[in-house]
Amino acid sequence: MSCQFCQKVWFLEKLGRCQQCMWQANLGSLLLLVCCLGYSGEVAVYSVALWLAFAAFASLSLAHWLMFFFYRWSTKQPPSK
């Protein structure tokens, strides 16, 4: 990863600070949502796996957005890069 926040070890230090990670989580959740809605296969296991992957990406995206707004509202200065 290219930013200094992504190179840190602790997971909570990364949430809401890296624009690249936020874009990846958002685009991943949108892509998986399209796959979930467009899948019309006979096997239910594949559908469940797609929905679980979408739920994981959507949860990660929600966590990023919640922490992004928390950092913006709780501090006077935005987090430095």
PDB file of N, CA and C in Angstrom:
ATOM      1  N   MET A   1       0.835  -1.178   0.000  1.00  0.00           N
ATOM      2  CA  MET A   1       0.000   0.000   0.000  1.00  0.00           C
ATOM      3  C   MET A   1       0.881   1.243   0.000  1.00  0.00           C
ATOM      4  N   SER A   2       0.319   2.308  -0.438  1.00  0.00           N
ATOM      5  CA  SER A   2       1.130   3.490  -0.674  1.00  0.00           C
ATOM      6  C   SER A   2       1.150   4.483   0.482  1.00  0.00           C
ATOM      7  N   CYS A   3       0.187   4.461   1.357  1.00  0.00           N
ATOM      8  CA  CYS A   3       0.165   5.492   2.397  1.00  0.00           C
ATOM      9  C   CYS A   3       0.754   4.963   3.700  1.00  0.00           C
ATOM     10  N   GLN A   4       1.068   5.878   4.597  1.00  0.00           N
ATOM     11  CA  GLN A   4       1.697   5.493   5.861  1.00  0.00           C
ATOM     12  C   GLN A   4       0.711   4.804   6.796  1.00  0.00           C
ATOM     13  N   PHE A   5      -0.586   5.063   6.666  1.00  0.00           N
ATOM     14  CA  PHE A   5      -1.565   4.427   7.544  1.00  0.00           C
ATOM     15  C   PHE A   5      -1.721   2.949   7.222  1.00  0.00           C
ATOM     16  N   CYS A   6      -1.595   2.592   5.952  1.00  0.00           N
ATOM     17  CA  CYS A   6      -1.748   1.192   5.561  1.00  0.00           C
ATOM     18  C   CYS A   6      -0.573   0.336   6.003  1.00  0.00           C
ATOM     19  N   GLN A   7       0.558   0.940   6.270  1.00  0.00           N
ATOM     20  CA  GLN A   7       1.735   0.186   6.667  1.00  0.00           C
ATOM     21  C   GLN A   7       1.780  -0.061   8.170  1.00  0.00           C
ATOM     22  N   LYS A   8       0.846   0.503   8.918  1.00  0.00           N
ATOM     23  CA  LYS A   8       0.817   0.279  10.361  1.00  0.00           C
ATOM     24  C   LYS A   8       0.246  -1.098  10.656  1.00  0.00           C
ATOM     25  N   VAL A   9       0.589  -1.610  11.815  1.00  0.00           N
ATOM     26  CA  VAL A   9       0.199  -2.958  12.178  1.00  0.00           C
ATOM     27  C   VAL A   9      -1.211  -2.996  12.767  1.00  0.00           C
ATOM     28  N   TRP A  10      -1.551  -2.055  13.603  1.00  0.00           N
ATOM     29  CA  TRP A  10      -2.815  -2.077  14.318  1.00  0.00           C
ATOM     30  C   TRP A  10      -3.961  -1.719  13.377  1.00  0.00           C
ATOM     31  N   PHE A  11      -4.993  -2.551  13.357  1.00  0.00           N
ATOM     32  CA  PHE A  11      -6.098  -2.412  12.415  1.00  0.00           C
ATOM     33  C   PHE A  11      -6.906  -1.135  12.640  1.00  0.00           C
ATOM     34  N   LEU A  12      -7.120  -0.768  13.883  1.00  0.00           N
ATOM     35  CA  LEU A  12      -7.948   0.406  14.174  1.00  0.00           C
ATOM     36  C   LEU A  12      -7.289   1.713  13.754  1.00  0.00           C
ATOM     37  N   GLU A  13      -5.973   1.730  13.602  1.00  0.00           N
ATOM     38  CA  GLU A  13      -5.294   2.940  13.140  1.00  0.00           C
ATOM     39  C   GLU A  13      -5.508   3.176  11.648  1.00  0.00           C
ATOM     40  N   LYS A  14      -5.948   2.166  10.929  1.00  0.00           N
ATOM     41  CA  LYS A  14      -6.137   2.286   9.487  1.00  0.00           C
ATOM     42  C   LYS A  14      -7.538   2.754   9.117  1.00  0.00           C
ATOM     43  N   LEU A  15      -8.514   2.476   9.970  1.00  0.00           N
ATOM     44  CA  LEU A  15      -9.903   2.751   9.618  1.00  0.00           C
ATOM     45  C   LEU A  15     -10.163   4.240   9.467  1.00  0.00           C
ATOM     46  N   GLY A  16     -10.739   4.614   8.353  1.00  0.00           N
ATOM     47  CA  GLY A  16     -11.172   5.976   8.121  1.00  0.00           C
ATOM     48  C   GLY A  16     -10.093   6.965   7.764  1.00  0.00           C
ATOM     49  N   ARG A  17      -8.864   6.531   7.645  1.00  0.00           N
ATOM     50  CA  ARG A  17      -7.767   7.462   7.375  1.00  0.00           C
ATOM     51  C   ARG A  17      -7.202   7.333   5.973  1.00  0.00           C
ATOM     52  N   CYS A  18      -7.286   6.179   5.393  1.00  0.00           N
ATOM     53  CA  CYS A  18      -6.673   5.948   4.080  1.00  0.00           C
ATOM     54  C   CYS A  18      -7.746   6.010   2.996  1.00  0.00           C
ATOM     55  N   GLN A  19      -7.609   6.977   2.096  1.00  0.00           N
ATOM     56  CA  GLN A  19      -8.586   7.134   1.019  1.00  0.00           C
ATOM     57  C   GLN A  19      -8.552   5.940   0.059  1.00  0.00           C
ATOM     58  N   GLN A  20      -7.375   5.384  -0.161  1.00  0.00           N
ATOM     59  CA  GLN A  20      -7.252   4.247  -1.069  1.00  0.00           C
ATOM     60  C   GLN A  20      -8.002   3.035  -0.517  1.00  0.00           C
ATOM     61  N   CYS A  21      -7.869   2.776   0.761  1.00  0.00           N
ATOM     62  CA  CYS A  21      -8.573   1.642   1.369  1.00  0.00           C
ATOM     63  C   CYS A  21     -10.083   1.861   1.362  1.00  0.00           C
ATOM     64  N   MET A  22     -10.503   3.103   1.581  1.00  0.00           N
ATOM     65  CA  MET A  22     -11.934   3.402   1.571  1.00  0.00           C
ATOM     66  C   MET A  22     -12.525   3.184   0.179  1.00  0.00           C
ATOM     67  N   TRP A  23     -11.811   3.610  -0.859  1.00  0.00           N
ATOM     68  CA  TRP A  23     -12.298   3.399  -2.224  1.00  0.00           C
ATOM     69  C   TRP A  23     -12.358   1.912  -2.558  1.00  0.00           C
ATOM     70  N   GLN A  24     -11.362   1.158  -2.128  1.00  0.00           N
ATOM     71  CA  GLN A  24     -11.358  -0.277  -2.405  1.00  0.00           C
ATOM     72  C   GLN A  24     -12.514  -0.979  -1.702  1.00  0.00           C
ATOM     73  N   ALA A  25     -12.789  -0.602  -0.463  1.00  0.00           N
ATOM     74  CA  ALA A  25     -13.896  -1.219   0.266  1.00  0.00           C
ATOM     75  C   ALA A  25     -15.238  -0.857  -0.368  1.00  0.00           C
ATOM     76  N   ASN A  26     -15.395   0.393  -0.774  1.00  0.00           N
ATOM     77  CA  ASN A  26     -16.654   0.814  -1.400  1.00  0.00           C
ATOM     78  C   ASN A  26     -16.865   0.148  -2.753  1.00  0.00           C
ATOM     79  N   LEU A  27     -15.834   0.148  -3.582  1.00  0.00           N
ATOM     80  CA  LEU A  27     -15.970  -0.470  -4.900  1.00  0.00           C
ATOM     81  C   LEU A  27     -16.139  -1.986  -4.800  1.00  0.00           C
ATOM     82  N   GLY A  28     -15.463  -2.595  -3.837  1.00  0.00           N
ATOM     83  CA  GLY A  28     -15.623  -4.033  -3.637  1.00  0.00           C
ATOM     84  C   GLY A  28     -17.031  -4.399  -3.213  1.00  0.00           C
ATOM     85  N   SER A  29     -17.614  -3.598  -2.321  1.00  0.00           N
ATOM     86  CA  SER A  29     -18.979  -3.896  -1.892  1.00  0.00           C
ATOM     87  C   SER A  29     -19.977  -3.668  -3.025  1.00  0.00           C
ATOM     88  N   LEU A  30     -19.771  -2.625  -3.831  1.00  0.00           N
ATOM     89  CA  LEU A  30     -20.673  -2.399  -4.963  1.00  0.00           C
ATOM     90  C   LEU A  30     -20.554  -3.500  -6.010  1.00  0.00           C
ATOM     91  N   LEU A  31     -19.333  -3.924  -6.286  1.00  0.00           N
ATOM     92  CA  LEU A  31     -19.123  -4.996  -7.256  1.00  0.00           C
ATOM     93  C   LEU A  31     -19.762  -6.302  -6.784  1.00  0.00           C
ATOM     94  N   LEU A  32     -19.595  -6.614  -5.510  1.00  0.00           N
ATOM     95  CA  LEU A  32     -20.198  -7.842  -4.990  1.00  0.00           C
ATOM     96  C   LEU A  32     -21.717  -7.746  -4.927  1.00  0.00           C
ATOM     97  N   LEU A  33     -22.259  -6.561  -4.687  1.00  0.00           N
ATOM     98  CA  LEU A  33     -23.712  -6.403  -4.702  1.00  0.00           C
ATOM     99  C   LEU A  33     -24.265  -6.665  -6.098  1.00  0.00           C
ATOM    100  N   VAL A  34     -23.581  -6.157  -7.112  1.00  0.00           N
ATOM    101  CA  VAL A  34     -24.006  -6.414  -8.492  1.00  0.00           C
ATOM    102  C   VAL A  34     -23.922  -7.907  -8.795  1.00  0.00           C
ATOM    103  N   CYS A  35     -22.865  -8.559  -8.327  1.00  0.00           N
ATOM    104  CA  CYS A  35     -22.732 -10.006  -8.542  1.00  0.00           C
ATOM    105  C   CYS A  35     -23.829 -10.779  -7.816  1.00  0.00           C
ATOM    106  N   CYS A  36     -24.158 -10.353  -6.609  1.00  0.00           N
ATOM    107  CA  CYS A  36     -25.204 -11.036  -5.840  1.00  0.00           C
ATOM    108  C   CYS A  36     -26.564 -10.901  -6.514  1.00  0.00           C
ATOM    109  N   LEU A  37     -26.866  -9.712  -6.978  1.00  0.00           N
ATOM    110  CA  LEU A  37     -28.168  -9.490  -7.604  1.00  0.00           C
ATOM    111  C   LEU A  37     -28.248 -10.101  -8.995  1.00  0.00           C
ATOM    112  N   GLY A  38     -27.123 -10.215  -9.662  1.00  0.00           N
ATOM    113  CA  GLY A  38     -27.114 -10.757 -11.010  1.00  0.00           C
ATOM    114  C   GLY A  38     -26.957 -12.265 -11.081  1.00  0.00           C
ATOM    115  N   TYR A  39     -26.599 -12.908  -9.974  1.00  0.00           N
ATOM    116  CA  TYR A  39     -26.376 -14.354  -9.987  1.00  0.00           C
ATOM    117  C   TYR A  39     -27.719 -15.076  -9.953  1.00  0.00           C
ATOM    118  N   SER A  40     -27.920 -15.959 -10.891  1.00  0.00           N
ATOM    119  CA  SER A  40     -29.169 -16.726 -10.928  1.00  0.00           C
ATOM    120  C   SER A  40     -28.871 -18.215 -11.087  1.00  0.00           C
ATOM    121  N   GLY A  41     -27.873 -18.674 -10.375  1.00  0.00           N
ATOM    122  CA  GLY A  41     -27.473 -20.072 -10.491  1.00  0.00           C
ATOM    123  C   GLY A  41     -28.358 -20.992  -9.677  1.00  0.00           C
ATOM    124  N   GLU A  42     -28.196 -22.265  -9.923  1.00  0.00           N
ATOM    125  CA  GLU A  42     -28.986 -23.278  -9.237  1.00  0.00           C
ATOM    126  C   GLU A  42     -28.426 -23.625  -7.862  1.00  0.00           C
ATOM    127  N   VAL A  43     -27.139 -23.435  -7.670  1.00  0.00           N
ATOM    128  CA  VAL A  43     -26.494 -23.855  -6.428  1.00  0.00           C
ATOM    129  C   VAL A  43     -26.605 -22.736  -5.399  1.00  0.00           C
ATOM    130  N   ALA A  44     -27.222 -23.034  -4.272  1.00  0.00           N
ATOM    131  CA  ALA A  44     -27.455 -22.021  -3.242  1.00  0.00           C
ATOM    132  C   ALA A  44     -26.180 -21.681  -2.478  1.00  0.00           C
ATOM    133  N   VAL A  45     -25.211 -22.584  -2.473  1.00  0.00           N
ATOM    134  CA  VAL A  45     -23.975 -22.334  -1.736  1.00  0.00           C
ATOM    135  C   VAL A  45     -23.223 -21.150  -2.334  1.00  0.00           C
ATOM    136  N   TYR A  46     -23.220 -21.046  -3.647  1.00  0.00           N
ATOM    137  CA  TYR A  46     -22.537 -19.926  -4.295  1.00  0.00           C
ATOM    138  C   TYR A  46     -23.232 -18.607  -3.985  1.00  0.00           C
ATOM    139  N   SER A  47     -24.528 -18.637  -3.942  1.00  0.00           N
ATOM    140  CA  SER A  47     -25.284 -17.428  -3.616  1.00  0.00           C
ATOM    141  C   SER A  47     -25.015 -16.990  -2.180  1.00  0.00           C
ATOM    142  N   VAL A  48     -24.981 -17.933  -1.262  1.00  0.00           N
ATOM    143  CA  VAL A  48     -24.693 -17.612   0.141  1.00  0.00           C
ATOM    144  C   VAL A  48     -23.277 -17.075   0.281  1.00  0.00           C
ATOM    145  N   ALA A  49     -22.337 -17.664  -0.441  1.00  0.00           N
ATOM    146  CA  ALA A  49     -20.953 -17.186  -0.383  1.00  0.00           C
ATOM    147  C   ALA A  49     -20.837 -15.763  -0.918  1.00  0.00           C
ATOM    148  N   LEU A  50     -21.552 -15.456  -1.993  1.00  0.00           N
ATOM    149  CA  LEU A  50     -21.543 -14.091  -2.518  1.00  0.00           C
ATOM    150  C   LEU A  50     -22.142 -13.107  -1.524  1.00  0.00           C
ATOM    151  N   TRP A  51     -23.253 -13.484  -0.894  1.00  0.00           N
ATOM    152  CA  TRP A  51     -23.885 -12.577   0.077  1.00  0.00           C
ATOM    153  C   TRP A  51     -23.007 -12.383   1.308  1.00  0.00           C
ATOM    154  N   LEU A  52     -22.303 -13.426   1.746  1.00  0.00           N
ATOM    155  CA  LEU A  52     -21.396 -13.273   2.891  1.00  0.00           C
ATOM    156  C   LEU A  52     -20.207 -12.386   2.542  1.00  0.00           C
ATOM    157  N   ALA A  53     -19.681 -12.534   1.343  1.00  0.00           N
ATOM    158  CA  ALA A  53     -18.584 -11.661   0.912  1.00  0.00           C
ATOM    159  C   ALA A  53     -19.062 -10.216   0.812  1.00  0.00           C
ATOM    160  N   PHE A  54     -20.272 -10.013   0.295  1.00  0.00           N
ATOM    161  CA  PHE A  54     -20.831  -8.659   0.238  1.00  0.00           C
ATOM    162  C   PHE A  54     -21.005  -8.088   1.639  1.00  0.00           C
ATOM    163  N   ALA A  55     -21.491  -8.893   2.573  1.00  0.00           N
ATOM    164  CA  ALA A  55     -21.673  -8.416   3.947  1.00  0.00           C
ATOM    165  C   ALA A  55     -20.338  -8.031   4.577  1.00  0.00           C
ATOM    166  N   ALA A  56     -19.289  -8.791   4.292  1.00  0.00           N
ATOM    167  CA  ALA A  56     -17.970  -8.465   4.838  1.00  0.00           C
ATOM    168  C   ALA A  56     -17.445  -7.154   4.260  1.00  0.00           C
ATOM    169  N   PHE A  57     -17.551  -6.976   2.949  1.00  0.00           N
ATOM    170  CA  PHE A  57     -17.094  -5.727   2.330  1.00  0.00           C
ATOM    171  C   PHE A  57     -17.936  -4.545   2.779  1.00  0.00           C
ATOM    172  N   ALA A  58     -19.240  -4.737   2.899  1.00  0.00           N
ATOM    173  CA  ALA A  58     -20.110  -3.644   3.333  1.00  0.00           C
ATOM    174  C   ALA A  58     -19.824  -3.264   4.781  1.00  0.00           C
ATOM    175  N   SER A  59     -19.529  -4.241   5.626  1.00  0.00           N
ATOM    176  CA  SER A  59     -19.176  -3.946   7.019  1.00  0.00           C
ATOM    177  C   SER A  59     -17.861  -3.181   7.100  1.00  0.00           C
ATOM    178  N   LEU A  60     -16.894  -3.577   6.300  1.00  0.00           N
ATOM    179  CA  LEU A  60     -15.620  -2.868   6.269  1.00  0.00           C
ATOM    180  C   LEU A  60     -15.800  -1.442   5.759  1.00  0.00           C
ATOM    181  N   SER A  61     -16.615  -1.284   4.743  1.00  0.00           N
ATOM    182  CA  SER A  61     -16.892   0.048   4.214  1.00  0.00           C
ATOM    183  C   SER A  61     -17.608   0.907   5.247  1.00  0.00           C
ATOM    184  N   LEU A  62     -18.582   0.340   5.944  1.00  0.00           N
ATOM    185  CA  LEU A  62     -19.300   1.075   6.988  1.00  0.00           C
ATOM    186  C   LEU A  62     -18.365   1.471   8.122  1.00  0.00           C
ATOM    187  N   ALA A  63     -17.476   0.570   8.517  1.00  0.00           N
ATOM    188  CA  ALA A  63     -16.512   0.900   9.573  1.00  0.00           C
ATOM    189  C   ALA A  63     -15.594   2.039   9.143  1.00  0.00           C
ATOM    190  N   HIS A  64     -15.147   2.014   7.900  1.00  0.00           N
ATOM    191  CA  HIS A  64     -14.314   3.108   7.389  1.00  0.00           C
ATOM    192  C   HIS A  64     -15.068   4.431   7.419  1.00  0.00           C
ATOM    193  N   TRP A  65     -16.310   4.443   6.961  1.00  0.00           N
ATOM    194  CA  TRP A  65     -17.074   5.695   6.924  1.00  0.00           C
ATOM    195  C   TRP A  65     -17.392   6.206   8.324  1.00  0.00           C
ATOM    196  N   LEU A  66     -17.723   5.300   9.248  1.00  0.00           N
ATOM    197  CA  LEU A  66     -18.001   5.733  10.621  1.00  0.00           C
ATOM    198  C   LEU A  66     -16.773   6.361  11.264  1.00  0.00           C
ATOM    199  N   MET A  67     -15.617   5.738  11.091  1.00  0.00           N
ATOM    200  CA  MET A  67     -14.397   6.286  11.679  1.00  0.00           C
ATOM    201  C   MET A  67     -13.963   7.562  10.963  1.00  0.00           C
ATOM    202  N   PHE A  68     -14.204   7.654   9.663  1.00  0.00           N
ATOM    203  CA  PHE A  68     -13.880   8.866   8.912  1.00  0.00           C
ATOM    204  C   PHE A  68     -14.656  10.053   9.475  1.00  0.00           C
ATOM    205  N   PHE A  69     -15.954   9.877   9.673  1.00  0.00           N
ATOM    206  CA  PHE A  69     -16.752  10.977  10.222  1.00  0.00           C
ATOM    207  C   PHE A  69     -16.440  11.223  11.690  1.00  0.00           C
ATOM    208  N   PHE A  70     -16.092  10.189  12.440  1.00  0.00           N
ATOM    209  CA  PHE A  70     -15.700  10.374  13.836  1.00  0.00           C
ATOM    210  C   PHE A  70     -14.446  11.229  13.928  1.00  0.00           C
ATOM    211  N   TYR A  71     -13.454  10.937  13.093  1.00  0.00           N
ATOM    212  CA  TYR A  71     -12.227  11.739  13.102  1.00  0.00           C
ATOM    213  C   TYR A  71     -12.494  13.170  12.659  1.00  0.00           C
ATOM    214  N   ARG A  72     -13.390  13.354  11.716  1.00  0.00           N
ATOM    215  CA  ARG A  72     -13.691  14.707  11.228  1.00  0.00           C
ATOM    216  C   ARG A  72     -14.431  15.528  12.277  1.00  0.00           C
ATOM    217  N   TRP A  73     -15.341  14.920  13.014  1.00  0.00           N
ATOM    218  CA  TRP A  73     -16.159  15.661  13.971  1.00  0.00           C
ATOM    219  C   TRP A  73     -15.516  15.780  15.343  1.00  0.00           C
ATOM    220  N   SER A  74     -14.655  14.848  15.712  1.00  0.00           N
ATOM    221  CA  SER A  74     -14.108  14.872  17.069  1.00  0.00           C
ATOM    222  C   SER A  74     -12.832  15.692  17.184  1.00  0.00           C
ATOM    223  N   THR A  75     -12.170  15.967  16.084  1.00  0.00           N
ATOM    224  CA  THR A  75     -10.943  16.757  16.129  1.00  0.00           C
ATOM    225  C   THR A  75     -11.104  18.020  15.301  1.00  0.00           C
ATOM    226  N   LYS A  76     -10.337  19.029  15.642  1.00  0.00           N
ATOM    227  CA  LYS A  76     -10.402  20.273  14.887  1.00  0.00           C
ATOM    228  C   LYS A  76      -9.596  20.189  13.603  1.00  0.00           C
ATOM    229  N   GLN A  77      -8.565  19.368  13.610  1.00  0.00           N
ATOM    230  CA  GLN A  77      -7.736  19.202  12.425  1.00  0.00           C
ATOM    231  C   GLN A  77      -7.957  17.804  11.859  1.00  0.00           C
ATOM    232  N   PRO A  78      -8.018  17.686  10.541  1.00  0.00           N
ATOM    233  CA  PRO A  78      -8.135  16.348   9.961  1.00  0.00           C
ATOM    234  C   PRO A  78      -6.846  15.564  10.186  1.00  0.00           C
ATOM    235  N   PRO A  79      -6.936  14.237  10.181  1.00  0.00           N
ATOM    236  CA  PRO A  79      -5.723  13.435  10.367  1.00  0.00           C
ATOM    237  C   PRO A  79      -4.702  13.737   9.283  1.00  0.00           C
ATOM    238  N   SER A  80      -3.471  13.892   9.694  1.00  0.00           N
ATOM    239  CA  SER A  80      -2.417  14.204   8.721  1.00  0.00           C
ATOM    240  C   SER A  80      -1.979  12.941   8.008  1.00  0.00           C
ATOM    241  N   LYS A  81      -1.490  13.137   6.797  1.00  0.00           N
ATOM    242  CA  LYS A  81      -1.024  11.982   6.023  1.00  0.00           C
ATOM    243  C   LYS A  81       0.397  11.669   6.302  1.00  0.00           C
TER     244      LYS A  81
END
